[in-house]
Amino acid sequence: MIFLRTFVEYTILMSDNRIIVTENSEDAISLVQLIRIIAKKKWLFILAYILCCGAGLFAVKFIKPKYESSMFISTVIKDGKQIDRVIDYIEKARKMGNRRVLAAQMGISLADASALESIEVKDPQGDNPNTFSGEVKFESARKEAIEPLAKGIIHVIENNEFLKSKADMMSQEVMTLLHATDEEIAVVKKQMDAAPTYNMELHNSYLALVQRRANIVDHLSEIKVVEVVDGPVIPTGPSGIAPGLMNAIVFIVALFGAAFIVVFIEAFQRGMKSAA
């Protein structure tokens, strides 16, 4: 015979008009006994099952779906702590419920800003001492809000005064180098035009300066407060347990809950009868 054993079985006894709950790890209730008890109180079991299912499904409705996404960002600003501060600011504004302020600063709608559930920076990388790169992970209550949220996060980083000042300073330094190179090119070009014959050394110097200028222009175009290297990742569904699977779990757990209620009531009634 198959037995359903429990590590701790509570046996209800009646003594001096009081209910005493004792532990007994040796006792067991057989599957046949369980079925007989449920069959005897089938309407109670059905009612308990319906109530357990209703309570479970009602609770599941309050579980908000969350869609996880991430994007890799890179910035020429080597101060990664400043990026952390910006992300922390967004997270604190979210926790404080300043949705309208957050929406205005992110440059997105209030509905999209309200969908933000969490945000953090993960896996900072420092291969280049002059740059910062890392993964920004965030959760959204709505799948369609992921792209607006990603743009809003980048918008906040781009408009950070400290980061903007750093980028502007770097741009000015590169522009100064570009102007100096242009002056050198002009001098060499003038010398080439004034030379009576073709001068190989001047020609090579001119080509080297032109190449240097092209490299400086490329570097200048790469100076950005922040750049999205990859992402944002659009999830196919919410994270965690799928709604269909969650409902199935509720139905299964409700079976055990209803069986427990029926067995408990049966044991209680037997205890009352034996005490009488």
C-alpha atoms as a PDB file:
ATOM      1  CA  MET A   1       0.000   0.000   0.000  1.00  0.00           C
ATOM      2  CA  ILE A   2       1.276   3.451  -0.862  1.00  0.00           C
ATOM      3  CA  PHE A   3       1.549   5.769   2.111  1.00  0.00           C
ATOM      4  CA  LEU A   4       1.763   9.529   2.156  1.00  0.00           C
ATOM      5  CA  ARG A   5       4.064  10.170   5.089  1.00  0.00           C
ATOM      6  CA  THR A   6       4.716  13.557   6.646  1.00  0.00           C
ATOM      7  CA  PHE A   7       7.744  14.498   8.686  1.00  0.00           C
ATOM      8  CA  VAL A   8       5.570  16.187  11.279  1.00  0.00           C
ATOM      9  CA  GLU A   9       1.907  15.162  11.614  1.00  0.00           C
ATOM     10  CA  TYR A  10      -0.271  17.137  13.951  1.00  0.00           C
ATOM     11  CA  THR A  11      -2.701  14.968  15.949  1.00  0.00           C
ATOM     12  CA  ILE A  12      -5.585  16.754  17.657  1.00  0.00           C
ATOM     13  CA  LEU A  13      -6.454  15.483  21.113  1.00  0.00           C
ATOM     14  CA  MET A  14      -9.025  16.622  23.606  1.00  0.00           C
ATOM     15  CA  SER A  15      -8.022  16.904  27.224  1.00  0.00           C
ATOM     16  CA  ASP A  16      -9.796  18.929  29.899  1.00  0.00           C
ATOM     17  CA  ASN A  17     -11.865  20.742  27.238  1.00  0.00           C
ATOM     18  CA  ARG A  18      -8.702  22.012  25.541  1.00  0.00           C
ATOM     19  CA  ILE A  19      -7.237  21.240  22.131  1.00  0.00           C
ATOM     20  CA  ILE A  20      -3.668  20.001  22.444  1.00  0.00           C
ATOM     21  CA  VAL A  21      -1.505  19.798  19.320  1.00  0.00           C
ATOM     22  CA  THR A  22       1.253  17.185  19.528  1.00  0.00           C
ATOM     23  CA  GLU A  23       3.893  16.119  17.064  1.00  0.00           C
ATOM     24  CA  ASN A  24       4.051  12.522  15.926  1.00  0.00           C
ATOM     25  CA  SER A  25       6.520  11.592  13.244  1.00  0.00           C
ATOM     26  CA  GLU A  26       5.688   7.885  13.330  1.00  0.00           C
ATOM     27  CA  ASP A  27       2.069   8.130  12.193  1.00  0.00           C
ATOM     28  CA  ALA A  28       1.016   8.244   8.564  1.00  0.00           C
ATOM     29  CA  ILE A  29      -2.178   8.552   6.599  1.00  0.00           C
ATOM     30  CA  SER A  30      -2.645   6.193   3.695  1.00  0.00           C
ATOM     31  CA  LEU A  31      -3.723   7.300   0.255  1.00  0.00           C
ATOM     32  CA  VAL A  32      -6.871   5.179   0.592  1.00  0.00           C
ATOM     33  CA  GLN A  33      -7.769   6.913   3.855  1.00  0.00           C
ATOM     34  CA  LEU A  34      -7.187  10.286   2.284  1.00  0.00           C
ATOM     35  CA  ILE A  35      -9.428   9.447  -0.675  1.00  0.00           C
ATOM     36  CA  ARG A  36     -12.150   8.176   1.696  1.00  0.00           C
ATOM     37  CA  ILE A  37     -12.044  11.358   3.732  1.00  0.00           C
ATOM     38  CA  ILE A  38     -12.230  13.531   0.601  1.00  0.00           C
ATOM     39  CA  ALA A  39     -15.081  11.380  -0.829  1.00  0.00           C
ATOM     40  CA  LYS A  40     -16.953  11.640   2.468  1.00  0.00           C
ATOM     41  CA  LYS A  41     -16.664  15.425   2.435  1.00  0.00           C
ATOM     42  CA  LYS A  42     -16.589  15.963  -1.312  1.00  0.00           C
ATOM     43  CA  TRP A  43     -18.748  19.079  -1.238  1.00  0.00           C
ATOM     44  CA  LEU A  44     -16.522  20.611   1.405  1.00  0.00           C
ATOM     45  CA  PHE A  45     -13.478  19.634  -0.675  1.00  0.00           C
ATOM     46  CA  ILE A  46     -14.985  21.214  -3.811  1.00  0.00           C
ATOM     47  CA  LEU A  47     -15.877  24.389  -1.917  1.00  0.00           C
ATOM     48  CA  ALA A  48     -12.405  24.574  -0.362  1.00  0.00           C
ATOM     49  CA  TYR A  49     -10.786  23.977  -3.761  1.00  0.00           C
ATOM     50  CA  ILE A  50     -12.832  26.749  -5.371  1.00  0.00           C
ATOM     51  CA  LEU A  51     -11.957  29.135  -2.548  1.00  0.00           C
ATOM     52  CA  CYS A  52      -8.241  28.257  -2.748  1.00  0.00           C
ATOM     53  CA  CYS A  53      -8.225  28.694  -6.530  1.00  0.00           C
ATOM     54  CA  GLY A  54     -10.047  32.000  -6.267  1.00  0.00           C
ATOM     55  CA  ALA A  55      -7.668  33.299  -3.622  1.00  0.00           C
ATOM     56  CA  GLY A  56      -4.644  32.144  -5.615  1.00  0.00           C
ATOM     57  CA  LEU A  57      -5.796  33.607  -8.936  1.00  0.00           C
ATOM     58  CA  PHE A  58      -6.763  36.853  -7.197  1.00  0.00           C
ATOM     59  CA  ALA A  59      -3.268  37.084  -5.698  1.00  0.00           C
ATOM     60  CA  VAL A  60      -1.638  36.300  -9.069  1.00  0.00           C
ATOM     61  CA  LYS A  61      -3.401  39.282 -10.656  1.00  0.00           C
ATOM     62  CA  PHE A  62      -1.494  41.591  -8.317  1.00  0.00           C
ATOM     63  CA  ILE A  63       1.847  40.232  -9.560  1.00  0.00           C
ATOM     64  CA  LYS A  64       3.010  42.753 -12.156  1.00  0.00           C
ATOM     65  CA  PRO A  65       4.814  41.350 -15.200  1.00  0.00           C
ATOM     66  CA  LYS A  66       8.371  42.589 -15.537  1.00  0.00           C
ATOM     67  CA  TYR A  67      10.334  42.696 -18.771  1.00  0.00           C
ATOM     68  CA  GLU A  68      14.114  42.633 -18.329  1.00  0.00           C
ATOM     69  CA  SER A  69      16.321  44.444 -20.798  1.00  0.00           C
ATOM     70  CA  SER A  70      19.907  45.627 -21.014  1.00  0.00           C
ATOM     71  CA  MET A  71      22.194  47.693 -23.195  1.00  0.00           C
ATOM     72  CA  PHE A  72      25.951  48.150 -23.313  1.00  0.00           C
ATOM     73  CA  ILE A  73      27.088  51.752 -23.215  1.00  0.00           C
ATOM     74  CA  SER A  74      30.487  53.317 -23.724  1.00  0.00           C
ATOM     75  CA  THR A  75      31.761  56.802 -23.000  1.00  0.00           C
ATOM     76  CA  VAL A  76      35.057  58.585 -23.461  1.00  0.00           C
ATOM     77  CA  ILE A  77      34.654  59.866 -19.914  1.00  0.00           C
ATOM     78  CA  LYS A  78      36.874  57.570 -17.880  1.00  0.00           C
ATOM     79  CA  ASP A  79      35.100  58.424 -14.614  1.00  0.00           C
ATOM     80  CA  GLY A  80      32.763  55.414 -14.371  1.00  0.00           C
ATOM     81  CA  LYS A  81      31.584  56.514 -10.933  1.00  0.00           C
ATOM     82  CA  GLN A  82      29.814  59.460 -12.509  1.00  0.00           C
ATOM     83  CA  ILE A  83      27.802  57.080 -14.711  1.00  0.00           C
ATOM     84  CA  ASP A  84      26.907  55.157 -11.563  1.00  0.00           C
ATOM     85  CA  ARG A  85      25.708  58.378  -9.938  1.00  0.00           C
ATOM     86  CA  VAL A  86      23.472  59.194 -12.903  1.00  0.00           C
ATOM     87  CA  ILE A  87      21.929  55.714 -12.881  1.00  0.00           C
ATOM     88  CA  ASP A  88      21.512  55.867  -9.092  1.00  0.00           C
ATOM     89  CA  TYR A  89      19.746  59.209  -9.494  1.00  0.00           C
ATOM     90  CA  ILE A  90      17.259  57.651 -11.922  1.00  0.00           C
ATOM     91  CA  GLU A  91      16.672  54.724  -9.544  1.00  0.00           C
ATOM     92  CA  LYS A  92      16.162  57.011  -6.531  1.00  0.00           C
ATOM     93  CA  ALA A  93      13.731  59.201  -8.473  1.00  0.00           C
ATOM     94  CA  ARG A  94      11.795  56.063  -9.418  1.00  0.00           C
ATOM     95  CA  LYS A  95      11.649  54.819  -5.824  1.00  0.00           C
ATOM     96  CA  MET A  96      10.503  58.224  -4.567  1.00  0.00           C
ATOM     97  CA  GLY A  97       7.664  58.224  -7.089  1.00  0.00           C
ATOM     98  CA  ASN A  98       8.790  61.375  -8.921  1.00  0.00           C
ATOM     99  CA  ARG A  99       7.429  60.062 -12.200  1.00  0.00           C
ATOM    100  CA  ARG A 100       6.601  63.426 -13.767  1.00  0.00           C
ATOM    101  CA  VAL A 101      10.041  64.848 -12.990  1.00  0.00           C
ATOM    102  CA  LEU A 102      11.668  61.667 -14.242  1.00  0.00           C
ATOM    103  CA  ALA A 103       9.609  61.722 -17.456  1.00  0.00           C
ATOM    104  CA  ALA A 104      10.589  65.343 -18.092  1.00  0.00           C
ATOM    105  CA  GLN A 105      14.287  64.674 -17.551  1.00  0.00           C
ATOM    106  CA  MET A 106      14.226  61.504 -19.653  1.00  0.00           C
ATOM    107  CA  GLY A 107      12.312  63.257 -22.415  1.00  0.00           C
ATOM    108  CA  ILE A 108       9.667  60.527 -22.638  1.00  0.00           C
ATOM    109  CA  SER A 109       5.966  60.202 -21.831  1.00  0.00           C
ATOM    110  CA  LEU A 110       4.701  59.832 -18.271  1.00  0.00           C
ATOM    111  CA  ALA A 111       3.316  56.365 -19.103  1.00  0.00           C
ATOM    112  CA  ASP A 112       6.705  55.151 -20.332  1.00  0.00           C
ATOM    113  CA  ALA A 113       8.565  56.647 -17.361  1.00  0.00           C
ATOM    114  CA  SER A 114       6.071  55.032 -14.969  1.00  0.00           C
ATOM    115  CA  ALA A 115       6.824  51.627 -16.497  1.00  0.00           C
ATOM    116  CA  LEU A 116      10.399  51.674 -15.126  1.00  0.00           C
ATOM    117  CA  GLU A 117      10.669  49.077 -12.341  1.00  0.00           C
ATOM    118  CA  SER A 118      14.426  49.073 -11.635  1.00  0.00           C
ATOM    119  CA  ILE A 119      17.745  50.110 -13.133  1.00  0.00           C
ATOM    120  CA  GLU A 120      21.425  49.430 -12.358  1.00  0.00           C
ATOM    121  CA  VAL A 121      24.872  49.314 -13.946  1.00  0.00           C
ATOM    122  CA  LYS A 122      26.427  45.853 -14.237  1.00  0.00           C
ATOM    123  CA  ASP A 123      29.832  44.535 -15.273  1.00  0.00           C
ATOM    124  CA  PRO A 124      31.839  47.749 -15.695  1.00  0.00           C
ATOM    125  CA  GLN A 125      34.810  47.184 -17.998  1.00  0.00           C
ATOM    126  CA  GLY A 126      38.023  49.135 -17.946  1.00  0.00           C
ATOM    127  CA  ASP A 127      40.202  47.823 -20.748  1.00  0.00           C
ATOM    128  CA  ASN A 128      40.908  51.370 -21.869  1.00  0.00           C
ATOM    129  CA  PRO A 129      41.920  53.677 -18.994  1.00  0.00           C
ATOM    130  CA  ASN A 130      40.511  56.669 -20.916  1.00  0.00           C
ATOM    131  CA  THR A 131      37.039  55.211 -21.433  1.00  0.00           C
ATOM    132  CA  PHE A 132      34.238  53.622 -19.470  1.00  0.00           C
ATOM    133  CA  SER A 133      31.928  50.872 -20.646  1.00  0.00           C
ATOM    134  CA  GLY A 134      29.341  48.806 -18.843  1.00  0.00           C
ATOM    135  CA  GLU A 135      25.961  47.123 -19.034  1.00  0.00           C
ATOM    136  CA  VAL A 136      22.875  49.045 -17.974  1.00  0.00           C
ATOM    137  CA  LYS A 137      20.157  46.629 -16.872  1.00  0.00           C
ATOM    138  CA  PHE A 138      16.598  47.772 -16.312  1.00  0.00           C
ATOM    139  CA  GLU A 139      13.120  46.324 -15.871  1.00  0.00           C
ATOM    140  CA  SER A 140       9.905  47.594 -17.415  1.00  0.00           C
ATOM    141  CA  ALA A 141       6.292  46.855 -16.562  1.00  0.00           C
ATOM    142  CA  ARG A 142       5.452  47.129 -20.270  1.00  0.00           C
ATOM    143  CA  LYS A 143       7.295  45.578 -23.185  1.00  0.00           C
ATOM    144  CA  GLU A 144       6.536  48.486 -25.519  1.00  0.00           C
ATOM    145  CA  ALA A 145       8.125  50.932 -23.058  1.00  0.00           C
ATOM    146  CA  ILE A 146      11.603  49.351 -23.277  1.00  0.00           C
ATOM    147  CA  GLU A 147      12.850  51.348 -26.280  1.00  0.00           C
ATOM    148  CA  PRO A 148      11.551  54.707 -24.963  1.00  0.00           C
ATOM    149  CA  LEU A 149      13.111  53.952 -21.568  1.00  0.00           C
ATOM    150  CA  ALA A 150      16.465  53.118 -23.194  1.00  0.00           C
ATOM    151  CA  LYS A 151      16.395  56.421 -25.101  1.00  0.00           C
ATOM    152  CA  GLY A 152      15.387  58.231 -21.929  1.00  0.00           C
ATOM    153  CA  ILE A 153      18.288  56.748 -19.967  1.00  0.00           C
ATOM    154  CA  ILE A 154      20.745  57.843 -22.660  1.00  0.00           C
ATOM    155  CA  HIS A 155      19.099  61.281 -22.705  1.00  0.00           C
ATOM    156  CA  VAL A 156      19.676  61.736 -18.965  1.00  0.00           C
ATOM    157  CA  ILE A 157      23.333  60.683 -19.261  1.00  0.00           C
ATOM    158  CA  GLU A 158      23.934  62.954 -22.268  1.00  0.00           C
ATOM    159  CA  ASN A 159      22.503  65.966 -20.429  1.00  0.00           C
ATOM    160  CA  ASN A 160      24.434  65.459 -17.215  1.00  0.00           C
ATOM    161  CA  GLU A 161      26.282  68.751 -16.655  1.00  0.00           C
ATOM    162  CA  PHE A 162      29.449  67.143 -15.310  1.00  0.00           C
ATOM    163  CA  LEU A 163      29.728  64.686 -18.191  1.00  0.00           C
ATOM    164  CA  LYS A 164      28.895  67.361 -20.754  1.00  0.00           C
ATOM    165  CA  SER A 165      31.610  69.640 -19.369  1.00  0.00           C
ATOM    166  CA  LYS A 166      34.133  66.791 -19.548  1.00  0.00           C
ATOM    167  CA  ALA A 167      33.198  66.050 -23.158  1.00  0.00           C
ATOM    168  CA  ASP A 168      33.347  69.745 -24.091  1.00  0.00           C
ATOM    169  CA  MET A 169      36.784  70.063 -22.489  1.00  0.00           C
ATOM    170  CA  MET A 170      38.049  67.077 -24.457  1.00  0.00           C
ATOM    171  CA  SER A 171      36.565  68.496 -27.667  1.00  0.00           C
ATOM    172  CA  GLN A 172      38.294  71.835 -27.085  1.00  0.00           C
ATOM    173  CA  GLU A 173      41.628  70.102 -26.552  1.00  0.00           C
ATOM    174  CA  VAL A 174      41.226  68.158 -29.793  1.00  0.00           C
ATOM    175  CA  MET A 175      40.099  71.297 -31.643  1.00  0.00           C
ATOM    176  CA  THR A 176      43.241  73.092 -30.443  1.00  0.00           C
ATOM    177  CA  LEU A 177      45.347  70.245 -31.797  1.00  0.00           C
ATOM    178  CA  LEU A 178      43.396  70.365 -35.065  1.00  0.00           C
ATOM    179  CA  HIS A 179      44.027  74.102 -35.506  1.00  0.00           C
ATOM    180  CA  ALA A 180      47.738  73.612 -34.787  1.00  0.00           C
ATOM    181  CA  THR A 181      47.884  70.854 -37.408  1.00  0.00           C
ATOM    182  CA  ASP A 182      46.109  73.076 -39.945  1.00  0.00           C
ATOM    183  CA  GLU A 183      48.732  75.760 -39.344  1.00  0.00           C
ATOM    184  CA  GLU A 184      51.541  73.235 -39.887  1.00  0.00           C
ATOM    185  CA  ILE A 185      49.904  72.058 -43.101  1.00  0.00           C
ATOM    186  CA  ALA A 186      49.661  75.653 -44.330  1.00  0.00           C
ATOM    187  CA  VAL A 187      53.353  76.264 -43.596  1.00  0.00           C
ATOM    188  CA  VAL A 188      54.477  73.094 -45.376  1.00  0.00           C
ATOM    189  CA  LYS A 189      52.157  73.822 -48.305  1.00  0.00           C
ATOM    190  CA  LYS A 190      53.664  77.289 -48.620  1.00  0.00           C
ATOM    191  CA  GLN A 191      57.145  75.822 -48.550  1.00  0.00           C
ATOM    192  CA  MET A 192      56.212  73.324 -51.258  1.00  0.00           C
ATOM    193  CA  ASP A 193      54.805  76.072 -53.475  1.00  0.00           C
ATOM    194  CA  ALA A 194      57.935  78.182 -52.973  1.00  0.00           C
ATOM    195  CA  ALA A 195      60.349  75.333 -53.731  1.00  0.00           C
ATOM    196  CA  PRO A 196      61.864  75.611 -57.241  1.00  0.00           C
ATOM    197  CA  THR A 197      61.814  71.854 -57.708  1.00  0.00           C
ATOM    198  CA  TYR A 198      59.940  68.881 -56.343  1.00  0.00           C
ATOM    199  CA  ASN A 199      60.980  68.239 -52.713  1.00  0.00           C
ATOM    200  CA  MET A 200      60.375  64.666 -51.561  1.00  0.00           C
ATOM    201  CA  GLU A 201      60.919  65.503 -47.876  1.00  0.00           C
ATOM    202  CA  LEU A 202      58.359  68.331 -47.926  1.00  0.00           C
ATOM    203  CA  HIS A 203      55.904  66.167 -49.821  1.00  0.00           C
ATOM    204  CA  ASN A 204      56.167  63.348 -47.250  1.00  0.00           C
ATOM    205  CA  SER A 205      55.783  65.829 -44.383  1.00  0.00           C
ATOM    206  CA  TYR A 206      52.672  67.220 -46.075  1.00  0.00           C
ATOM    207  CA  LEU A 207      51.131  63.749 -46.475  1.00  0.00           C
ATOM    208  CA  ALA A 208      51.926  62.877 -42.841  1.00  0.00           C
ATOM    209  CA  LEU A 209      50.255  66.066 -41.628  1.00  0.00           C
ATOM    210  CA  VAL A 210      47.184  65.429 -43.763  1.00  0.00           C
ATOM    211  CA  GLN A 211      46.921  61.916 -42.322  1.00  0.00           C
ATOM    212  CA  ARG A 212      47.345  63.287 -38.804  1.00  0.00           C
ATOM    213  CA  ARG A 213      44.553  65.792 -39.457  1.00  0.00           C
ATOM    214  CA  ALA A 214      42.238  63.003 -40.656  1.00  0.00           C
ATOM    215  CA  ASN A 215      42.939  61.011 -37.496  1.00  0.00           C
ATOM    216  CA  ILE A 216      42.215  64.061 -35.332  1.00  0.00           C
ATOM    217  CA  VAL A 217      38.908  64.663 -37.128  1.00  0.00           C
ATOM    218  CA  ASP A 218      37.931  61.012 -36.589  1.00  0.00           C
ATOM    219  CA  HIS A 219      38.811  61.271 -32.905  1.00  0.00           C
ATOM    220  CA  LEU A 220      36.791  64.475 -32.610  1.00  0.00           C
ATOM    221  CA  SER A 221      33.719  62.771 -34.068  1.00  0.00           C
ATOM    222  CA  GLU A 222      34.076  59.960 -31.523  1.00  0.00           C
ATOM    223  CA  ILE A 223      33.952  62.266 -28.508  1.00  0.00           C
ATOM    224  CA  LYS A 224      30.507  61.678 -27.097  1.00  0.00           C
ATOM    225  CA  VAL A 225      29.168  61.752 -23.570  1.00  0.00           C
ATOM    226  CA  VAL A 226      27.720  58.284 -24.106  1.00  0.00           C
ATOM    227  CA  GLU A 227      27.242  55.829 -26.951  1.00  0.00           C
ATOM    228  CA  VAL A 228      25.115  52.689 -27.129  1.00  0.00           C
ATOM    229  CA  VAL A 229      27.395  49.831 -28.160  1.00  0.00           C
ATOM    230  CA  ASP A 230      24.695  47.146 -28.153  1.00  0.00           C
ATOM    231  CA  GLY A 231      21.025  46.971 -27.302  1.00  0.00           C
ATOM    232  CA  PRO A 232      18.579  47.516 -25.890  1.00  0.00           C
ATOM    233  CA  VAL A 233      17.581  43.857 -25.780  1.00  0.00           C
ATOM    234  CA  ILE A 234      13.860  43.359 -26.414  1.00  0.00           C
ATOM    235  CA  PRO A 235      12.626  40.331 -24.404  1.00  0.00           C
ATOM    236  CA  THR A 236      10.154  37.903 -25.916  1.00  0.00           C
ATOM    237  CA  GLY A 237       8.148  37.716 -22.702  1.00  0.00           C
ATOM    238  CA  PRO A 238       8.098  38.729 -19.047  1.00  0.00           C
ATOM    239  CA  SER A 239      10.781  37.460 -16.698  1.00  0.00           C
ATOM    240  CA  GLY A 240       9.999  34.904 -14.025  1.00  0.00           C
ATOM    241  CA  ILE A 241       7.213  32.334 -14.248  1.00  0.00           C
ATOM    242  CA  ALA A 242       4.933  32.609 -17.267  1.00  0.00           C
ATOM    243  CA  PRO A 243       1.292  33.514 -16.499  1.00  0.00           C
ATOM    244  CA  GLY A 244      -0.013  30.198 -17.853  1.00  0.00           C
ATOM    245  CA  LEU A 245       2.413  28.201 -15.723  1.00  0.00           C
ATOM    246  CA  MET A 246       1.610  30.363 -12.699  1.00  0.00           C
ATOM    247  CA  ASN A 247      -2.112  29.569 -13.085  1.00  0.00           C
ATOM    248  CA  ALA A 248      -1.321  25.856 -13.345  1.00  0.00           C
ATOM    249  CA  ILE A 249       0.719  26.061 -10.147  1.00  0.00           C
ATOM    250  CA  VAL A 250      -2.203  27.793  -8.421  1.00  0.00           C
ATOM    251  CA  PHE A 251      -4.580  24.965  -9.418  1.00  0.00           C
ATOM    252  CA  ILE A 252      -2.152  22.294  -8.170  1.00  0.00           C
ATOM    253  CA  VAL A 253      -1.407  24.066  -4.885  1.00  0.00           C
ATOM    254  CA  ALA A 254      -5.154  24.596  -4.395  1.00  0.00           C
ATOM    255  CA  LEU A 255      -5.627  20.803  -4.501  1.00  0.00           C
ATOM    256  CA  PHE A 256      -3.221  20.325  -1.614  1.00  0.00           C
ATOM    257  CA  GLY A 257      -4.755  23.250   0.232  1.00  0.00           C
ATOM    258  CA  ALA A 258      -8.275  21.888  -0.108  1.00  0.00           C
ATOM    259  CA  ALA A 259      -7.140  18.405   0.956  1.00  0.00           C
ATOM    260  CA  PHE A 260      -5.434  19.879   4.025  1.00  0.00           C
ATOM    261  CA  ILE A 261      -8.584  21.778   5.003  1.00  0.00           C
ATOM    262  CA  VAL A 262     -10.779  18.665   4.660  1.00  0.00           C
ATOM    263  CA  VAL A 263      -8.391  16.459   6.644  1.00  0.00           C
ATOM    264  CA  PHE A 264      -8.002  19.096   9.337  1.00  0.00           C
ATOM    265  CA  ILE A 265     -11.759  19.496   9.749  1.00  0.00           C
ATOM    266  CA  GLU A 266     -12.230  15.708   9.816  1.00  0.00           C
ATOM    267  CA  ALA A 267      -9.582  15.344  12.505  1.00  0.00           C
ATOM    268  CA  PHE A 268     -11.086  18.180  14.490  1.00  0.00           C
ATOM    269  CA  GLN A 269     -14.567  16.662  14.354  1.00  0.00           C
ATOM    270  CA  ARG A 270     -13.237  13.257  15.443  1.00  0.00           C
ATOM    271  CA  GLY A 271     -11.417  14.902  18.316  1.00  0.00           C
ATOM    272  CA  MET A 272     -14.602  16.634  19.423  1.00  0.00           C
ATOM    273  CA  LYS A 273     -16.576  13.381  19.271  1.00  0.00           C
ATOM    274  CA  SER A 274     -13.971  11.456  21.252  1.00  0.00           C
ATOM    275  CA  ALA A 275     -13.897  14.195  23.877  1.00  0.00           C
ATOM    276  CA  ALA A 276     -17.674  14.076  24.230  1.00  0.00           C
END
